[in-house]
C-alpha cells in the first residue's frame, strides 16, 4: 500500500494527538484523586481532635510534611493513626 508524505504525516500527528489526550486525561484523573484525598484528610483533621493532635505532633517532628500528601490518617472509632507513610523520613511509629 502506498501513502504519500501528507498522509504519513497526518497519521503521525493524529497518533501523537491521541497519546497526548490520553496522558492529559490520566493526569487529570490522578490530580482529582489527590484533591479528594486531601479534602478527606482536611475534613478528618478539622472535625476530630485526636487527628488534630496527631497532626500537630507529626508537624512538630517533621514540619515539612503535609497530611494527605506525605502521610494519611485514618479513623477507627476513637482511635486515629497513620494509615500511609509516603515520606522518606522514618515512620514515627518505628
PDB file of N, CA and C in Angstrom:
ATOM      1  N   UNK A   1       0.853  -1.167   0.000  1.00  0.00           N
ATOM      2  CA  UNK A   1       0.000   0.000   0.000  1.00  0.00           C
ATOM      3  C   UNK A   1       0.902   1.234   0.000  1.00  0.00           C
ATOM      4  N   UNK A   2       0.517   2.218  -0.752  1.00  0.00           N
ATOM      5  CA  UNK A   2       1.337   3.399  -0.946  1.00  0.00           C
ATOM      6  C   UNK A   2       0.661   4.613  -0.294  1.00  0.00           C
ATOM      7  N   UNK A   3       1.422   5.336   0.587  1.00  0.00           N
ATOM      8  CA  UNK A   3       0.947   6.584   1.186  1.00  0.00           C
ATOM      9  C   UNK A   3       1.843   7.703   0.706  1.00  0.00           C
ATOM     10  N   UNK A   4       1.248   8.831   0.412  1.00  0.00           N
ATOM     11  CA  UNK A   4       2.091   9.974   0.102  1.00  0.00           C
ATOM     12  C   UNK A   4       2.559  10.614   1.416  1.00  0.00           C
ATOM     13  N   UNK A   5       3.422  11.579   1.339  1.00  0.00           N
ATOM     14  CA  UNK A   5       4.007  12.203   2.532  1.00  0.00           C
ATOM     15  C   UNK A   5       2.956  12.861   3.423  1.00  0.00           C
ATOM     16  N   UNK A   6       1.990  13.518   2.836  1.00  0.00           N
ATOM     17  CA  UNK A   6       0.956  14.196   3.610  1.00  0.00           C
ATOM     18  C   UNK A   6       0.135  13.198   4.437  1.00  0.00           C
ATOM     19  N   UNK A   7      -0.202  12.075   3.867  1.00  0.00           N
ATOM     20  CA  UNK A   7      -0.957  11.051   4.590  1.00  0.00           C
ATOM     21  C   UNK A   7      -0.137  10.496   5.755  1.00  0.00           C
ATOM     22  N   UNK A   8       1.134  10.221   5.510  1.00  0.00           N
ATOM     23  CA  UNK A   8       2.010   9.707   6.571  1.00  0.00           C
ATOM     24  C   UNK A   8       2.152  10.683   7.718  1.00  0.00           C
ATOM     25  N   UNK A   9       2.361  11.944   7.400  1.00  0.00           N
ATOM     26  CA  UNK A   9       2.486  12.976   8.428  1.00  0.00           C
ATOM     27  C   UNK A   9       1.164  13.131   9.183  1.00  0.00           C
ATOM     28  N   UNK A  10       0.047  13.067   8.480  1.00  0.00           N
ATOM     29  CA  UNK A  10      -1.264  13.187   9.128  1.00  0.00           C
ATOM     30  C   UNK A  10      -1.491  12.048  10.109  1.00  0.00           C
ATOM     31  N   UNK A  11      -1.098  10.848   9.749  1.00  0.00           N
ATOM     32  CA  UNK A  11      -1.252   9.704  10.645  1.00  0.00           C
ATOM     33  C   UNK A  11      -0.384   9.881  11.886  1.00  0.00           C
ATOM     34  N   UNK A  12       0.844  10.312  11.716  1.00  0.00           N
ATOM     35  CA  UNK A  12       1.741  10.531  12.854  1.00  0.00           C
ATOM     36  C   UNK A  12       1.184  11.620  13.772  1.00  0.00           C
ATOM     37  N   UNK A  13       0.677  12.701  13.223  1.00  0.00           N
ATOM     38  CA  UNK A  13       0.101  13.780  14.023  1.00  0.00           C
ATOM     39  C   UNK A  13      -1.138  13.293  14.769  1.00  0.00           C
ATOM     40  N   UNK A  14      -1.992  12.528  14.093  1.00  0.00           N
ATOM     41  CA  UNK A  14      -3.207  12.012  14.747  1.00  0.00           C
ATOM     42  C   UNK A  14      -2.852  11.086  15.911  1.00  0.00           C
ATOM     43  N   UNK A  15      -1.885  10.201  15.725  1.00  0.00           N
ATOM     44  CA  UNK A  15      -1.467   9.298  16.798  1.00  0.00           C
ATOM     45  C   UNK A  15      -0.862  10.087  17.949  1.00  0.00           C
ATOM     46  N   UNK A  16      -0.039  11.075  17.646  1.00  0.00           N
ATOM     47  CA  UNK A  16       0.581  11.909  18.684  1.00  0.00           C
ATOM     48  C   UNK A  16      -0.485  12.661  19.478  1.00  0.00           C
ATOM     49  N   UNK A  17      -1.467  13.244  18.807  1.00  0.00           N
ATOM     50  CA  UNK A  17      -2.547  13.943  19.497  1.00  0.00           C
ATOM     51  C   UNK A  17      -3.345  12.990  20.387  1.00  0.00           C
ATOM     52  N   UNK A  18      -3.607  11.791  19.908  1.00  0.00           N
ATOM     53  CA  UNK A  18      -4.331  10.805  20.704  1.00  0.00           C
ATOM     54  C   UNK A  18      -3.550  10.460  21.969  1.00  0.00           C
ATOM     55  N   UNK A  19      -2.260  10.242  21.847  1.00  0.00           N
ATOM     56  CA  UNK A  19      -1.428   9.917  23.012  1.00  0.00           C
ATOM     57  C   UNK A  19      -1.412  11.078  24.001  1.00  0.00           C
ATOM     58  N   UNK A  20      -1.284  12.304  23.504  1.00  0.00           N
ATOM     59  CA  UNK A  20      -1.279  13.479  24.373  1.00  0.00           C
ATOM     60  C   UNK A  20      -2.612  13.604  25.113  1.00  0.00           C
ATOM     61  N   UNK A  21      -3.721  13.387  24.431  1.00  0.00           N
ATOM     62  CA  UNK A  21      -5.035  13.466  25.073  1.00  0.00           C
ATOM     63  C   UNK A  21      -5.202  12.391  26.145  1.00  0.00           C
ATOM     64  N   UNK A  22      -4.744  11.186  25.883  1.00  0.00           N
ATOM     65  CA  UNK A  22      -4.831  10.120  26.884  1.00  0.00           C
ATOM     66  C   UNK A  22      -3.985  10.476  28.104  1.00  0.00           C
ATOM     67  N   UNK A  23      -2.777  10.980  27.888  1.00  0.00           N
ATOM     68  CA  UNK A  23      -1.910  11.367  29.010  1.00  0.00           C
ATOM     69  C   UNK A  23      -2.514  12.513  29.815  1.00  0.00           C
ATOM     70  N   UNK A  24      -3.146  13.466  29.149  1.00  0.00           N
ATOM     71  CA  UNK A  24      -3.795  14.569  29.861  1.00  0.00           C
ATOM     72  C   UNK A  24      -4.958  14.054  30.710  1.00  0.00           C
ATOM     73  N   UNK A  25      -5.719  13.120  30.174  1.00  0.00           N
ATOM     74  CA  UNK A  25      -6.841  12.541  30.922  1.00  0.00           C
ATOM     75  C   UNK A  25      -6.337  11.793  32.155  1.00  0.00           C
ATOM     76  N   UNK A  26      -5.285  11.005  31.994  1.00  0.00           N
ATOM     77  CA  UNK A  26      -4.724  10.264  33.121  1.00  0.00           C
ATOM     78  C   UNK A  26      -4.180  11.210  34.189  1.00  0.00           C
ATOM     79  N   UNK A  27      -3.552  12.293  33.770  1.00  0.00           N
ATOM     80  CA  UNK A  27      -3.026  13.283  34.725  1.00  0.00           C
ATOM     81  C   UNK A  27      -4.171  13.947  35.490  1.00  0.00           C
ATOM     82  N   UNK A  28      -5.243  14.284  34.786  1.00  0.00           N
ATOM     83  CA  UNK A  28      -6.394  14.903  35.445  1.00  0.00           C
ATOM     84  C   UNK A  28      -7.023  13.950  36.450  1.00  0.00           C
ATOM     85  N   UNK A  29      -7.152  12.690  36.075  1.00  0.00           N
ATOM     86  CA  UNK A  29      -7.722  11.697  36.983  1.00  0.00           C
ATOM     87  C   UNK A  29      -6.864  11.554  38.229  1.00  0.00           C
ATOM     88  N   UNK A  30      -5.554  11.506  38.060  1.00  0.00           N
ATOM     89  CA  UNK A  30      -4.634  11.399  39.194  1.00  0.00           C
ATOM     90  C   UNK A  30      -4.731  12.637  40.083  1.00  0.00           C
ATOM     91  N   UNK A  31      -4.824  13.802  39.488  1.00  0.00           N
ATOM     92  CA  UNK A  31      -4.954  15.045  40.249  1.00  0.00           C
ATOM     93  C   UNK A  31      -6.271  15.064  41.026  1.00  0.00           C
ATOM     94  N   UNK A  32      -7.352  14.617  40.403  1.00  0.00           N
ATOM     95  CA  UNK A  32      -8.650  14.562  41.092  1.00  0.00           C
ATOM     96  C   UNK A  32      -8.588  13.643  42.310  1.00  0.00           C
ATOM     97  N   UNK A  33      -7.901  12.514  42.181  1.00  0.00           N
ATOM     98  CA  UNK A  33      -7.761  11.594  43.314  1.00  0.00           C
ATOM     99  C   UNK A  33      -6.974  12.245  44.449  1.00  0.00           C
ATOM    100  N   UNK A  34      -5.914  12.972  44.108  1.00  0.00           N
ATOM    101  CA  UNK A  34      -5.113  13.646  45.133  1.00  0.00           C
ATOM    102  C   UNK A  34      -5.930  14.725  45.848  1.00  0.00           C
ATOM    103  N   UNK A  35      -6.713  15.476  45.104  1.00  0.00           N
ATOM    104  CA  UNK A  35      -7.540  16.525  45.708  1.00  0.00           C
ATOM    105  C   UNK A  35      -8.592  15.905  46.618  1.00  0.00           C
ATOM    106  N   UNK A  36      -9.184  14.794  46.192  1.00  0.00           N
ATOM    107  CA  UNK A  36     -10.177  14.113  47.017  1.00  0.00           C
ATOM    108  C   UNK A  36      -9.536  13.601  48.314  1.00  0.00           C
ATOM    109  N   UNK A  37      -8.322  13.027  48.227  1.00  0.00           N
ATOM    110  CA  UNK A  37      -7.626  12.537  49.412  1.00  0.00           C
ATOM    111  C   UNK A  37      -7.293  13.691  50.353  1.00  0.00           C
ATOM    112  N   UNK A  38      -6.845  14.815  49.812  1.00  0.00           N
ATOM    113  CA  UNK A  38      -6.559  15.996  50.639  1.00  0.00           C
ATOM    114  C   UNK A  38      -7.811  16.506  51.333  1.00  0.00           C
ATOM    115  N   UNK A  39      -8.928  16.525  50.624  1.00  0.00           N
ATOM    116  CA  UNK A  39     -10.182  17.001  51.215  1.00  0.00           C
ATOM    117  C   UNK A  39     -10.628  16.083  52.351  1.00  0.00           C
ATOM    118  N   UNK A  40     -10.497  14.766  52.164  1.00  0.00           N
ATOM    119  CA  UNK A  40     -10.853  13.830  53.233  1.00  0.00           C
ATOM    120  C   UNK A  40      -9.971  14.028  54.459  1.00  0.00           C
ATOM    121  N   UNK A  41      -8.664  14.248  54.240  1.00  0.00           N
ATOM    122  CA  UNK A  41      -7.749  14.461  55.354  1.00  0.00           C
ATOM    123  C   UNK A  41      -8.070  15.771  56.070  1.00  0.00           C
ATOM    124  N   UNK A  42      -8.361  16.813  55.310  1.00  0.00           N
ATOM    125  CA  UNK A  42      -8.709  18.094  55.912  1.00  0.00           C
ATOM    126  C   UNK A  42      -9.968  17.957  56.760  1.00  0.00           C
ATOM    127  N   UNK A  43     -10.958  17.251  56.238  1.00  0.00           N
ATOM    128  CA  UNK A  43     -12.212  17.060  56.970  1.00  0.00           C
ATOM    129  C   UNK A  43     -11.963  16.287  58.262  1.00  0.00           C
ATOM    130  N   UNK A  44     -11.164  15.224  58.194  1.00  0.00           N
ATOM    131  CA  UNK A  44     -10.857  14.426  59.380  1.00  0.00           C
ATOM    132  C   UNK A  44     -10.135  15.272  60.428  1.00  0.00           C
ATOM    133  N   UNK A  45      -9.133  16.011  60.013  1.00  0.00           N
ATOM    134  CA  UNK A  45      -8.353  16.822  60.954  1.00  0.00           C
ATOM    135  C   UNK A  45      -9.197  17.953  61.523  1.00  0.00           C
ATOM    136  N   UNK A  46     -10.043  18.531  60.710  1.00  0.00           N
ATOM    137  CA  UNK A  46     -10.858  19.664  61.141  1.00  0.00           C
ATOM    138  C   UNK A  46     -11.917  19.250  62.164  1.00  0.00           C
ATOM    139  N   UNK A  47     -12.455  18.023  62.036  1.00  0.00           N
ATOM    140  CA  UNK A  47     -13.568  17.599  62.885  1.00  0.00           C
ATOM    141  C   UNK A  47     -13.203  16.589  63.968  1.00  0.00           C
ATOM    142  N   UNK A  48     -11.936  16.229  64.084  1.00  0.00           N
ATOM    143  CA  UNK A  48     -11.542  15.223  65.065  1.00  0.00           C
ATOM    144  C   UNK A  48     -10.348  15.750  65.859  1.00  0.00           C
ATOM    145  N   UNK A  49     -10.549  15.926  67.144  1.00  0.00           N
ATOM    146  CA  UNK A  49      -9.482  16.488  67.993  1.00  0.00           C
ATOM    147  C   UNK A  49      -8.266  15.574  68.080  1.00  0.00           C
ATOM    148  N   UNK A  50      -8.488  14.256  68.098  1.00  0.00           N
ATOM    149  CA  UNK A  50      -7.354  13.327  68.164  1.00  0.00           C
ATOM    150  C   UNK A  50      -6.531  13.383  66.878  1.00  0.00           C
ATOM    151  N   UNK A  51      -7.196  13.514  65.746  1.00  0.00           N
ATOM    152  CA  UNK A  51      -6.490  13.649  64.470  1.00  0.00           C
ATOM    153  C   UNK A  51      -5.720  14.962  64.437  1.00  0.00           C
ATOM    154  N   UNK A  52      -6.337  16.014  64.968  1.00  0.00           N
ATOM    155  CA  UNK A  52      -5.671  17.314  65.019  1.00  0.00           C
ATOM    156  C   UNK A  52      -4.412  17.240  65.882  1.00  0.00           C
ATOM    157  N   UNK A  53      -4.500  16.548  67.020  1.00  0.00           N
ATOM    158  CA  UNK A  53      -3.356  16.407  67.920  1.00  0.00           C
ATOM    159  C   UNK A  53      -2.243  15.577  67.277  1.00  0.00           C
ATOM    160  N   UNK A  54      -2.607  14.474  66.627  1.00  0.00           N
ATOM    161  CA  UNK A  54      -1.608  13.653  65.944  1.00  0.00           C
ATOM    162  C   UNK A  54      -0.937  14.434  64.830  1.00  0.00           C
ATOM    163  N   UNK A  55      -1.701  15.184  64.098  1.00  0.00           N
ATOM    164  CA  UNK A  55      -1.154  16.013  63.020  1.00  0.00           C
ATOM    165  C   UNK A  55      -0.202  17.064  63.581  1.00  0.00           C
ATOM    166  N   UNK A  56      -0.569  17.651  64.704  1.00  0.00           N
ATOM    167  CA  UNK A  56       0.298  18.654  65.341  1.00  0.00           C
ATOM    168  C   UNK A  56       1.609  18.019  65.800  1.00  0.00           C
ATOM    169  N   UNK A  57       1.543  16.825  66.391  1.00  0.00           N
ATOM    170  CA  UNK A  57       2.749  16.130  66.836  1.00  0.00           C
ATOM    171  C   UNK A  57       3.654  15.767  65.651  1.00  0.00           C
ATOM    172  N   UNK A  58       3.048  15.298  64.569  1.00  0.00           N
ATOM    173  CA  UNK A  58       3.835  14.986  63.375  1.00  0.00           C
ATOM    174  C   UNK A  58       4.464  16.244  62.795  1.00  0.00           C
ATOM    175  N   UNK A  59       3.730  17.353  62.837  1.00  0.00           N
ATOM    176  CA  UNK A  59       4.253  18.611  62.314  1.00  0.00           C
ATOM    177  C   UNK A  59       5.424  19.118  63.160  1.00  0.00           C
ATOM    178  N   UNK A  60       5.367  18.906  64.471  1.00  0.00           N
ATOM    179  CA  UNK A  60       6.482  19.319  65.318  1.00  0.00           C
ATOM    180  C   UNK A  60       7.738  18.522  64.998  1.00  0.00           C
ATOM    181  N   UNK A  61       7.578  17.231  64.712  1.00  0.00           N
ATOM    182  CA  UNK A  61       8.725  16.389  64.414  1.00  0.00           C
ATOM    183  C   UNK A  61       9.216  16.592  62.982  1.00  0.00           C
ATOM    184  N   UNK A  62       8.293  16.700  62.044  1.00  0.00           N
ATOM    185  CA  UNK A  62       8.615  16.860  60.622  1.00  0.00           C
ATOM    186  C   UNK A  62       7.819  18.047  60.062  1.00  0.00           C
ATOM    187  N   UNK A  63       8.292  19.268  60.240  1.00  0.00           N
ATOM    188  CA  UNK A  63       7.499  20.438  59.819  1.00  0.00           C
ATOM    189  C   UNK A  63       7.273  20.544  58.308  1.00  0.00           C
ATOM    190  N   UNK A  64       8.070  19.860  57.507  1.00  0.00           N
ATOM    191  CA  UNK A  64       7.922  19.985  56.055  1.00  0.00           C
ATOM    192  C   UNK A  64       6.885  19.018  55.469  1.00  0.00           C
ATOM    193  N   UNK A  65       6.356  18.107  56.289  1.00  0.00           N
ATOM    194  CA  UNK A  65       5.395  17.133  55.792  1.00  0.00           C
ATOM    195  C   UNK A  65       3.972  17.686  55.810  1.00  0.00           C
ATOM    196  N   UNK A  66       3.160  17.157  54.903  1.00  0.00           N
ATOM    197  CA  UNK A  66       1.781  17.624  54.769  1.00  0.00           C
ATOM    198  C   UNK A  66       0.829  16.430  54.802  1.00  0.00           C
ATOM    199  N   UNK A  67      -0.195  16.534  55.652  1.00  0.00           N
ATOM    200  CA  UNK A  67      -1.201  15.474  55.729  1.00  0.00           C
ATOM    201  C   UNK A  67      -1.937  15.361  54.399  1.00  0.00           C
ATOM    202  N   UNK A  68      -2.116  14.144  53.931  1.00  0.00           N
ATOM    203  CA  UNK A  68      -2.790  13.913  52.658  1.00  0.00           C
ATOM    204  C   UNK A  68      -1.836  13.796  51.497  1.00  0.00           C
ATOM    205  N   UNK A  69      -0.608  14.279  51.673  1.00  0.00           N
ATOM    206  CA  UNK A  69       0.398  14.174  50.615  1.00  0.00           C
ATOM    207  C   UNK A  69       1.514  13.243  51.075  1.00  0.00           C
ATOM    208  N   UNK A  70       2.144  13.584  52.199  1.00  0.00           N
ATOM    209  CA  UNK A  70       3.260  12.786  52.706  1.00  0.00           C
ATOM    210  C   UNK A  70       2.801  11.652  53.613  1.00  0.00           C
ATOM    211  N   UNK A  71       1.654  11.791  54.189  1.00  0.00           N
ATOM    212  CA  UNK A  71       1.065  10.737  55.018  1.00  0.00           C
ATOM    213  C   UNK A  71      -0.441  10.940  55.064  1.00  0.00           C
ATOM    214  N   UNK A  72      -1.148   9.858  55.374  1.00  0.00           N
ATOM    215  CA  UNK A  72      -2.592   9.956  55.550  1.00  0.00           C
ATOM    216  C   UNK A  72      -2.959   9.387  56.914  1.00  0.00           C
ATOM    217  N   UNK A  73      -4.000   9.940  57.477  1.00  0.00           N
ATOM    218  CA  UNK A  73      -4.503   9.491  58.761  1.00  0.00           C
ATOM    219  C   UNK A  73      -5.778   8.695  58.541  1.00  0.00           C
ATOM    220  N   UNK A  74      -6.034   7.752  59.453  1.00  0.00           N
ATOM    221  CA  UNK A  74      -7.297   7.018  59.392  1.00  0.00           C
ATOM    222  C   UNK A  74      -7.919   7.017  60.774  1.00  0.00           C
ATOM    223  N   UNK A  75      -9.237   6.981  60.759  1.00  0.00           N
ATOM    224  CA  UNK A  75     -10.006   6.995  61.998  1.00  0.00           C
ATOM    225  C   UNK A  75     -10.686   5.640  62.137  1.00  0.00           C
ATOM    226  N   UNK A  76     -10.466   5.009  63.283  1.00  0.00           N
ATOM    227  CA  UNK A  76     -11.091   3.722  63.561  1.00  0.00           C
ATOM    228  C   UNK A  76     -11.774   3.832  64.918  1.00  0.00           C
ATOM    229  N   UNK A  77     -13.011   4.275  64.910  1.00  0.00           N
ATOM    230  CA  UNK A  77     -13.720   4.538  66.161  1.00  0.00           C
ATOM    231  C   UNK A  77     -13.130   5.768  66.827  1.00  0.00           C
ATOM    232  N   UNK A  78     -12.622   5.580  68.047  1.00  0.00           N
ATOM    233  CA  UNK A  78     -11.998   6.697  68.766  1.00  0.00           C
ATOM    234  C   UNK A  78     -10.496   6.785  68.529  1.00  0.00           C
ATOM    235  N   UNK A  79      -9.941   5.836  67.781  1.00  0.00           N
ATOM    236  CA  UNK A  79      -8.501   5.788  67.563  1.00  0.00           C
ATOM    237  C   UNK A  79      -8.159   6.397  66.207  1.00  0.00           C
ATOM    238  N   UNK A  80      -7.175   7.281  66.205  1.00  0.00           N
ATOM    239  CA  UNK A  80      -6.672   7.872  64.969  1.00  0.00           C
ATOM    240  C   UNK A  80      -5.218   7.453  64.837  1.00  0.00           C
ATOM    241  N   UNK A  81      -4.859   6.964  63.645  1.00  0.00           N
ATOM    242  CA  UNK A  81      -3.482   6.522  63.432  1.00  0.00           C
ATOM    243  C   UNK A  81      -3.040   6.889  62.023  1.00  0.00           C
ATOM    244  N   UNK A  82      -1.744   6.716  61.782  1.00  0.00           N
ATOM    245  CA  UNK A  82      -1.195   6.972  60.452  1.00  0.00           C
ATOM    246  C   UNK A  82      -1.541   5.779  59.571  1.00  0.00           C
ATOM    247  N   UNK A  83      -2.192   6.049  58.450  1.00  0.00           N
ATOM    248  CA  UNK A  83      -2.604   4.990  57.533  1.00  0.00           C
ATOM    249  C   UNK A  83      -1.487   4.688  56.535  1.00  0.00           C
ATOM    250  N   UNK A  84      -1.065   5.684  55.790  1.00  0.00           N
ATOM    251  CA  UNK A  84       0.010   5.537  54.798  1.00  0.00           C
ATOM    252  C   UNK A  84       1.120   6.516  55.127  1.00  0.00           C
ATOM    253  N   UNK A  85       2.354   6.074  55.017  1.00  0.00           N
ATOM    254  CA  UNK A  85       3.519   6.936  55.243  1.00  0.00           C
ATOM    255  C   UNK A  85       4.300   6.959  53.946  1.00  0.00           C
ATOM    256  N   UNK A  86       4.257   8.084  53.220  1.00  0.00           N
ATOM    257  CA  UNK A  86       4.884   8.194  51.909  1.00  0.00           C
ATOM    258  C   UNK A  86       6.179   8.996  51.948  1.00  0.00           C
ATOM    259  N   UNK A  87       6.573   9.439  53.108  1.00  0.00           N
ATOM    260  CA  UNK A  87       7.753  10.290  53.249  1.00  0.00           C
ATOM    261  C   UNK A  87       9.024   9.440  53.322  1.00  0.00           C
ATOM    262  N   UNK A  88      10.139  10.055  52.969  1.00  0.00           N
ATOM    263  CA  UNK A  88      11.431   9.380  53.101  1.00  0.00           C
ATOM    264  C   UNK A  88      11.932   9.407  54.550  1.00  0.00           C
ATOM    265  N   UNK A  89      11.310  10.212  55.398  1.00  0.00           N
ATOM    266  CA  UNK A  89      11.653  10.264  56.813  1.00  0.00           C
ATOM    267  C   UNK A  89      11.206   8.966  57.483  1.00  0.00           C
ATOM    268  N   UNK A  90      11.866   8.590  58.600  1.00  0.00           N
ATOM    269  CA  UNK A  90      11.433   7.369  59.294  1.00  0.00           C
ATOM    270  C   UNK A  90      10.016   7.517  59.838  1.00  0.00           C
ATOM    271  N   UNK A  91       9.273   6.439  59.772  1.00  0.00           N
ATOM    272  CA  UNK A  91       7.895   6.414  60.281  1.00  0.00           C
ATOM    273  C   UNK A  91       7.936   6.682  61.777  1.00  0.00           C
ATOM    274  N   UNK A  92       7.067   7.555  62.279  1.00  0.00           N
ATOM    275  CA  UNK A  92       7.121   7.908  63.701  1.00  0.00           C
ATOM    276  C   UNK A  92       6.794   6.739  64.625  1.00  0.00           C
ATOM    277  N   UNK A  93       6.118   5.719  64.141  1.00  0.00           N
ATOM    278  CA  UNK A  93       5.792   4.565  64.963  1.00  0.00           C
ATOM    279  C   UNK A  93       6.919   3.551  65.027  1.00  0.00           C
ATOM    280  N   UNK A  94       7.984   3.750  64.209  1.00  0.00           N
ATOM    281  CA  UNK A  94       9.094   2.800  64.178  1.00  0.00           C
ATOM    282  C   UNK A  94      10.077   3.040  65.275  1.00  0.00           C
TER     283      UNK A  94
END
